[in-house]
Amino acid sequence: MATVGVMTPSSLHRRAWLQAAAATAAAGLLPPLAQAASASQADLRGVTLRVGTYKGLWRPLLQASGQADTPYKIDWRELNNGVLHIEAINGDALDLGSGSEIPAVFAARQKANVRFVAVTHEDLNNQATLARKDAPIRSIADFKGKRVGYVRATTSHYYLAKQLAEAGLSFADIQPVSLTPADGLSAFARGDLDAWAIYGYNGQLARTQYGARTIKTGVGYLSGNFPIYANPRTLNDAPRRAAIADLLRRLQRSFAWINGNFLAYARAQSAETRVPVGDLVELFNGRSGDYSLAAVDDGVIRSHQDVADTFQKLGVLDGPANVRPLWDRSLI
């Protein structure tokens, strides 16, 4: 895979193709998001959408890709895990959010007041199971008896369980330590953990600053589907529904834009996260696939149901969760 900043003939061809795809998206020629019935007539100037974001994600993405000039206002609310996004939507404190399939499983079990309206496809190589540089660990089988950090009820919980089972182990065979990503990084740096299942920038910091070694990634264990969560109350209000439909179109164009313009996005991300541009580019160059925002289909729902069934078998859910009723295909 070609790297950012190193132009070979093949990478020039790929870059040209991606830029053409991004231009097509910008021209509105990607498969369009379905319009709310009165979207074209709606005056959105009086609408304010409360949108959950992760540091370095949607907010700088829209700005960098030229999609931030919305006809409505966005009240950005930084909530750095999907559970908080769903809790805020369920409590009518947020109109739109995002996260992995895992918080959405718990929402289905609890019959939360939330809908899942689209999916983004993002990098699975930055969902990684790491070992300390000095730990006697070469495979997941070596986790037996070790102190292993993870983030409960997230993708890291799910793929760690899958990886352990594949190695003939379970959580009962390790010393599992549930920590927030920030607390996990501190514990990893102190040597309080032997291994760590983590995602995003914190995993990259563990590698670049503390010499962490990647034992496995989320590829082959995660679907790559990250739902976008919406507030049903908002969807039932015509002007706000139209604003959400517009924002999803902008995000769809922005996700397509990333693939051919990542350096510009990395600079915008770095300004917000303080993660060095070079580290972000390294993550992008090692990504498992290109970025996109897509419609809900039967495969998306089946994948989500499989996650729910797995968590029930693990005993994390106290009963079955039927995810299908919470998926809404009406916006795409």
Protein backbone atom coordinates (compact mmCIF):
# COMPACT_ATOMS: atom_id res chain seq x y z
CA MET A 1 0.00 0.00 0.00
CA ALA A 2 1.44 3.37 -0.97
CA THR A 3 2.37 5.72 1.83
CA VAL A 4 1.46 9.38 2.16
CA GLY A 5 4.21 11.59 0.85
CA VAL A 6 5.97 8.88 -1.21
CA MET A 7 4.70 8.98 -4.78
CA THR A 8 5.36 5.92 -6.91
CA PRO A 9 3.73 5.33 -10.31
CA SER A 10 1.18 2.99 -8.74
CA SER A 11 0.46 5.35 -5.87
CA LEU A 12 0.08 8.25 -8.30
CA HIS A 13 -2.48 6.20 -10.23
CA ARG A 14 -4.29 5.30 -6.98
CA ARG A 15 -4.18 8.90 -5.78
CA ALA A 16 -5.61 10.13 -9.08
CA TRP A 17 -8.40 7.57 -8.85
CA LEU A 18 -9.19 8.52 -5.25
CA GLN A 19 -9.17 12.24 -6.03
CA ALA A 20 -11.55 11.61 -8.91
CA ALA A 21 -13.81 9.62 -6.57
CA ALA A 22 -13.69 12.42 -4.01
CA ALA A 23 -14.54 14.96 -6.71
CA THR A 24 -17.46 12.80 -7.80
CA ALA A 25 -18.64 12.66 -4.19
CA ALA A 26 -18.27 16.41 -3.81
CA ALA A 27 -20.41 16.86 -6.91
CA GLY A 28 -23.14 14.87 -5.18
CA LEU A 29 -22.85 11.80 -7.41
CA LEU A 30 -22.37 9.24 -4.66
CA PRO A 31 -25.50 7.18 -3.93
CA PRO A 32 -27.64 9.94 -2.38
CA LEU A 33 -29.04 9.85 1.10
CA ALA A 34 -32.81 9.77 1.05
CA GLN A 35 -34.33 13.16 1.67
CA ALA A 36 -36.81 13.89 4.43
CA ALA A 37 -40.15 14.65 2.77
CA SER A 38 -39.91 18.42 3.18
CA ALA A 39 -36.11 18.73 3.25
CA SER A 40 -35.80 20.88 0.14
CA GLN A 41 -38.41 23.35 1.40
CA ALA A 42 -37.33 23.41 5.02
CA ASP A 43 -35.70 26.53 6.39
CA LEU A 44 -32.94 25.08 8.53
CA ARG A 45 -31.50 28.36 9.77
CA GLY A 46 -33.36 28.06 13.06
CA VAL A 47 -32.26 24.46 13.68
CA THR A 48 -29.50 23.51 16.10
CA LEU A 49 -28.30 19.90 16.04
CA ARG A 50 -26.65 18.53 19.17
CA VAL A 51 -23.98 16.25 17.73
CA GLY A 52 -21.68 13.94 19.66
CA THR A 53 -18.10 13.85 18.46
CA TYR A 54 -14.82 12.22 19.37
CA LYS A 55 -11.73 14.36 19.63
CA GLY A 56 -10.22 14.55 16.16
CA LEU A 57 -13.11 12.97 14.27
CA TRP A 58 -16.23 14.55 12.74
CA ARG A 59 -15.63 18.20 13.67
CA PRO A 60 -12.16 18.57 12.08
CA LEU A 61 -13.17 16.20 9.27
CA LEU A 62 -16.01 18.47 8.11
CA GLN A 63 -13.76 21.52 8.35
CA ALA A 64 -10.85 19.95 6.46
CA SER A 65 -13.06 18.54 3.71
CA GLY A 66 -14.92 21.82 3.13
CA GLN A 67 -18.25 20.49 4.38
CA ALA A 68 -18.58 22.54 7.59
CA ASP A 69 -20.66 25.43 6.20
CA THR A 70 -24.03 24.03 7.23
CA PRO A 71 -27.31 26.01 6.95
CA TYR A 72 -28.09 24.96 10.54
CA LYS A 73 -26.05 25.26 13.71
CA ILE A 74 -24.13 22.36 15.24
CA ASP A 75 -23.66 22.19 18.98
CA TRP A 76 -20.67 19.83 19.18
CA ARG A 77 -20.51 17.73 22.34
CA GLU A 78 -17.31 15.79 22.91
CA LEU A 79 -18.15 12.35 24.29
CA ASN A 80 -15.31 9.90 23.86
CA ASN A 81 -17.13 6.58 23.92
CA GLY A 82 -20.25 5.20 22.31
CA VAL A 83 -21.94 4.39 25.61
CA LEU A 84 -22.01 8.10 26.46
CA HIS A 85 -23.42 8.92 23.02
CA ILE A 86 -26.29 6.46 23.47
CA GLU A 87 -26.96 7.53 27.05
CA ALA A 88 -27.17 11.15 25.91
CA ILE A 89 -29.52 10.29 23.04
CA ASN A 90 -31.70 8.12 25.30
CA GLY A 91 -31.92 11.05 27.73
CA ASP A 92 -32.76 13.48 24.88
CA ALA A 93 -29.51 15.40 25.39
CA LEU A 94 -28.12 14.59 21.92
CA ASP A 95 -29.54 14.36 18.40
CA LEU A 96 -26.81 12.41 16.61
CA GLY A 97 -23.83 10.36 17.72
CA SER A 98 -21.73 7.37 16.77
CA GLY A 99 -19.78 4.46 18.13
CA SER A 100 -19.22 0.77 17.65
CA GLU A 101 -21.74 -2.06 17.50
CA ILE A 102 -21.11 -2.92 21.15
CA PRO A 103 -22.86 -0.02 22.97
CA ALA A 104 -25.63 -0.47 20.42
CA VAL A 105 -26.06 -4.07 21.63
CA PHE A 106 -26.66 -2.89 25.18
CA ALA A 107 -29.08 -0.28 23.86
CA ALA A 108 -31.05 -3.03 22.14
CA ARG A 109 -31.11 -5.15 25.29
CA GLN A 110 -32.34 -2.18 27.33
CA LYS A 111 -34.78 -1.08 24.59
CA ALA A 112 -33.21 2.38 24.67
CA ASN A 113 -34.82 5.25 22.80
CA VAL A 114 -32.28 5.33 19.95
CA ARG A 115 -32.08 4.40 16.28
CA PHE A 116 -29.12 3.34 14.12
CA VAL A 117 -29.34 5.06 10.75
CA ALA A 118 -26.07 4.41 8.86
CA VAL A 119 -22.64 2.85 9.28
CA THR A 120 -19.14 4.13 8.79
CA HIS A 121 -16.27 1.87 7.77
CA GLU A 122 -13.03 2.78 9.47
CA ASP A 123 -9.62 1.28 10.21
CA LEU A 124 -9.52 -2.03 12.09
CA ASN A 125 -5.73 -2.16 12.36
CA ASN A 126 -5.86 0.56 14.99
CA GLN A 127 -7.99 -1.79 17.11
CA ALA A 128 -5.10 -3.78 18.49
CA THR A 129 -4.01 -6.16 21.20
CA LEU A 130 -0.63 -4.95 22.42
CA ALA A 131 2.11 -6.34 24.67
CA ARG A 132 4.75 -4.44 26.58
CA LYS A 133 8.12 -4.46 24.86
CA ASP A 134 9.72 -6.37 27.76
CA ALA A 135 6.84 -8.81 28.41
CA PRO A 136 7.42 -12.52 27.59
CA ILE A 137 4.46 -12.50 25.23
CA ARG A 138 4.57 -13.58 21.59
CA SER A 139 1.00 -14.73 21.03
CA ILE A 140 -2.45 -14.52 22.63
CA ALA A 141 -1.80 -17.94 24.22
CA ASP A 142 0.91 -16.25 26.31
CA PHE A 143 -1.73 -14.06 27.97
CA LYS A 144 -2.52 -16.84 30.45
CA GLY A 145 -2.09 -15.46 33.97
CA LYS A 146 -1.10 -12.03 32.66
CA ARG A 147 -2.55 -8.62 33.51
CA VAL A 148 -4.51 -7.61 30.41
CA GLY A 149 -6.22 -4.24 30.09
CA TYR A 150 -9.34 -3.62 28.02
CA VAL A 151 -12.31 -1.24 27.90
CA ARG A 152 -15.47 -2.99 29.07
CA ALA A 153 -18.46 -3.10 26.70
CA THR A 154 -16.46 -1.80 23.73
CA THR A 155 -14.85 -3.28 20.63
CA SER A 156 -11.74 -4.10 22.68
CA HIS A 157 -13.83 -6.27 25.04
CA TYR A 158 -15.35 -8.08 22.08
CA TYR A 159 -12.24 -8.81 20.01
CA LEU A 160 -10.18 -9.70 23.09
CA ALA A 161 -12.81 -12.30 24.00
CA LYS A 162 -12.74 -13.67 20.44
CA GLN A 163 -8.93 -13.80 20.38
CA LEU A 164 -8.76 -15.53 23.76
CA ALA A 165 -11.32 -18.14 22.70
CA GLU A 166 -9.36 -18.80 19.52
CA ALA A 167 -6.31 -19.53 21.69
CA GLY A 168 -8.30 -21.83 23.97
CA LEU A 169 -8.51 -19.25 26.77
CA SER A 170 -11.18 -17.12 28.40
CA PHE A 171 -11.29 -14.11 30.70
CA ALA A 172 -11.03 -16.57 33.60
CA ASP A 173 -7.51 -17.50 32.41
CA ILE A 174 -6.13 -13.94 32.53
CA GLN A 175 -6.13 -11.08 35.01
CA PRO A 176 -8.54 -8.76 33.17
CA VAL A 177 -8.36 -5.07 34.09
CA SER A 178 -11.17 -2.83 32.81
CA LEU A 179 -9.90 0.74 32.35
CA THR A 180 -10.80 3.82 30.35
CA PRO A 181 -8.47 4.43 27.39
CA ALA A 182 -6.64 7.25 29.19
CA ASP A 183 -6.27 5.28 32.43
CA GLY A 184 -5.19 2.25 30.43
CA LEU A 185 -2.39 4.23 28.76
CA SER A 186 -1.14 5.42 32.15
CA ALA A 187 -1.27 1.88 33.55
CA PHE A 188 0.52 0.52 30.48
CA ALA A 189 3.22 3.19 30.78
CA ARG A 190 3.77 2.38 34.49
CA GLY A 191 4.09 -1.33 33.80
CA ASP A 192 0.87 -2.19 35.62
CA LEU A 193 -0.32 -4.11 32.54
CA ASP A 194 1.42 -6.85 30.60
CA ALA A 195 -0.89 -6.48 27.61
CA TRP A 196 -3.65 -4.18 26.47
CA ALA A 197 -6.58 -4.42 24.05
CA ILE A 198 -7.15 -0.86 22.88
CA TYR A 199 -8.20 1.27 19.91
CA GLY A 200 -7.32 4.60 18.35
CA TYR A 201 -4.70 7.14 19.32
CA ASN A 202 -3.94 5.60 22.70
CA GLY A 203 -2.75 2.42 21.04
CA GLN A 204 -0.55 4.42 18.69
CA LEU A 205 0.92 6.33 21.65
CA ALA A 206 1.63 3.03 23.41
CA ARG A 207 3.58 1.90 20.35
CA THR A 208 5.48 5.10 19.62
CA GLN A 209 6.18 6.25 23.17
CA TYR A 210 6.43 2.99 25.11
CA GLY A 211 7.52 0.46 22.52
CA ALA A 212 4.35 -1.64 22.63
CA ARG A 213 4.29 -4.60 20.25
CA THR A 214 1.18 -5.50 18.24
CA ILE A 215 0.18 -9.13 18.86
CA LYS A 216 -3.07 -9.01 16.86
CA THR A 217 -5.43 -6.44 15.36
CA GLY A 218 -9.20 -6.32 15.04
CA VAL A 219 -9.09 -7.57 11.46
CA GLY A 220 -11.00 -10.84 11.24
CA TYR A 221 -12.68 -10.25 14.59
CA LEU A 222 -14.65 -7.03 14.03
CA SER A 223 -17.09 -6.35 11.20
CA GLY A 224 -15.78 -2.85 10.51
CA ASN A 225 -19.32 -1.46 10.86
CA PHE A 226 -19.56 1.54 13.18
CA PRO A 227 -23.20 2.64 13.57
CA ILE A 228 -24.37 6.23 13.54
CA TYR A 229 -26.86 6.71 16.35
CA ALA A 230 -29.87 9.05 16.04
CA ASN A 231 -32.49 10.37 18.43
CA PRO A 232 -35.99 9.16 17.39
CA ARG A 233 -37.49 12.40 18.74
CA THR A 234 -35.29 14.33 16.33
CA LEU A 235 -36.21 12.06 13.43
CA ASN A 236 -39.88 12.76 14.12
CA ASP A 237 -39.36 16.53 13.81
CA ALA A 238 -39.31 17.51 10.10
CA PRO A 239 -36.76 20.38 10.19
CA ARG A 240 -34.33 18.54 12.45
CA ARG A 241 -34.75 15.34 10.42
CA ALA A 242 -33.88 17.33 7.28
CA ALA A 243 -30.80 18.72 9.04
CA ILE A 244 -29.67 15.21 10.02
CA ALA A 245 -30.16 14.00 6.43
CA ASP A 246 -28.03 16.92 5.21
CA LEU A 247 -25.33 16.26 7.79
CA LEU A 248 -25.17 12.59 6.82
CA ARG A 249 -24.69 13.60 3.17
CA ARG A 250 -21.85 15.90 4.19
CA LEU A 251 -20.25 13.18 6.27
CA GLN A 252 -20.61 10.72 3.40
CA ARG A 253 -18.72 13.10 1.11
CA SER A 254 -16.15 13.78 3.82
CA PHE A 255 -15.42 10.10 4.45
CA ALA A 256 -14.89 9.56 0.71
CA TRP A 257 -12.60 12.62 0.66
CA ILE A 258 -10.34 11.25 3.42
CA ASN A 259 -8.90 8.49 1.26
CA GLY A 260 -7.27 10.85 -1.22
CA ASN A 261 -6.54 13.75 1.12
CA PHE A 262 -5.42 12.22 4.37
CA LEU A 263 -2.49 14.55 5.04
CA ALA A 264 -4.85 17.54 5.15
CA TYR A 265 -7.14 15.64 7.52
CA ALA A 266 -4.19 14.57 9.69
CA ARG A 267 -3.18 18.20 10.13
CA ALA A 268 -6.71 19.09 11.21
CA GLN A 269 -6.80 16.12 13.56
CA SER A 270 -3.42 16.99 15.05
CA ALA A 271 -4.53 20.55 15.77
CA GLU A 272 -7.40 19.17 17.86
CA THR A 273 -5.79 16.09 19.43
CA ARG A 274 -2.12 17.17 19.69
CA VAL A 275 -1.18 13.75 18.29
CA PRO A 276 1.78 14.31 15.91
CA VAL A 277 0.86 14.42 12.22
CA GLY A 278 3.45 11.74 11.48
CA ASP A 279 1.82 9.31 13.90
CA LEU A 280 -1.59 9.89 12.32
CA VAL A 281 -0.18 9.38 8.83
CA GLU A 282 1.47 6.15 10.00
CA LEU A 283 -1.90 4.90 11.24
CA PHE A 284 -3.49 5.78 7.90
CA ASN A 285 -0.77 4.10 5.87
CA GLY A 286 -1.28 0.89 7.87
CA ARG A 287 -5.08 0.98 7.68
CA SER A 288 -7.12 -2.13 6.96
CA GLY A 289 -9.23 -0.47 4.29
CA ASP A 290 -10.54 2.83 2.99
CA TYR A 291 -13.00 5.04 4.86
CA SER A 292 -16.66 5.31 3.88
CA LEU A 293 -20.17 5.98 5.15
CA ALA A 294 -22.77 3.54 3.90
CA ALA A 295 -26.40 2.52 4.10
CA VAL A 296 -27.85 -0.11 6.39
CA ASP A 297 -28.36 -3.51 4.78
CA ASP A 298 -29.19 -7.04 5.93
CA GLY A 299 -25.51 -7.89 6.35
CA VAL A 300 -25.02 -4.98 8.74
CA ILE A 301 -27.92 -6.17 10.88
CA ARG A 302 -26.75 -9.81 10.85
CA SER A 303 -23.27 -8.75 11.94
CA HIS A 304 -24.71 -6.71 14.78
CA GLN A 305 -26.89 -9.60 15.93
CA ASP A 306 -23.82 -11.85 16.02
CA VAL A 307 -22.13 -9.37 18.38
CA ALA A 308 -25.21 -9.41 20.62
CA ASP A 309 -25.29 -13.21 20.69
CA THR A 310 -21.57 -13.37 21.51
CA PHE A 311 -21.93 -11.00 24.45
CA GLN A 312 -24.84 -13.03 25.78
CA LYS A 313 -22.69 -16.19 25.65
CA LEU A 314 -19.93 -14.33 27.50
CA GLY A 315 -22.40 -13.45 30.25
CA VAL A 316 -21.92 -9.73 29.65
CA LEU A 317 -25.57 -9.37 28.65
CA ASP A 318 -28.16 -10.63 31.10
CA GLY A 319 -30.37 -11.94 28.31
CA PRO A 320 -30.97 -11.90 24.54
CA ALA A 321 -30.94 -8.66 22.59
CA ASN A 322 -32.81 -8.27 19.31
CA VAL A 323 -31.05 -5.48 17.41
CA ARG A 324 -33.21 -5.36 14.26
CA PRO A 325 -35.98 -3.05 15.60
CA LEU A 326 -33.44 -0.30 16.34
CA TRP A 327 -32.08 -0.14 12.78
CA ASP A 328 -33.71 2.54 10.60
CA ARG A 329 -33.15 2.45 6.83
CA SER A 330 -35.25 5.53 6.02
CA LEU A 331 -32.43 8.08 5.80
CA ILE A 332 -30.20 6.31 3.28
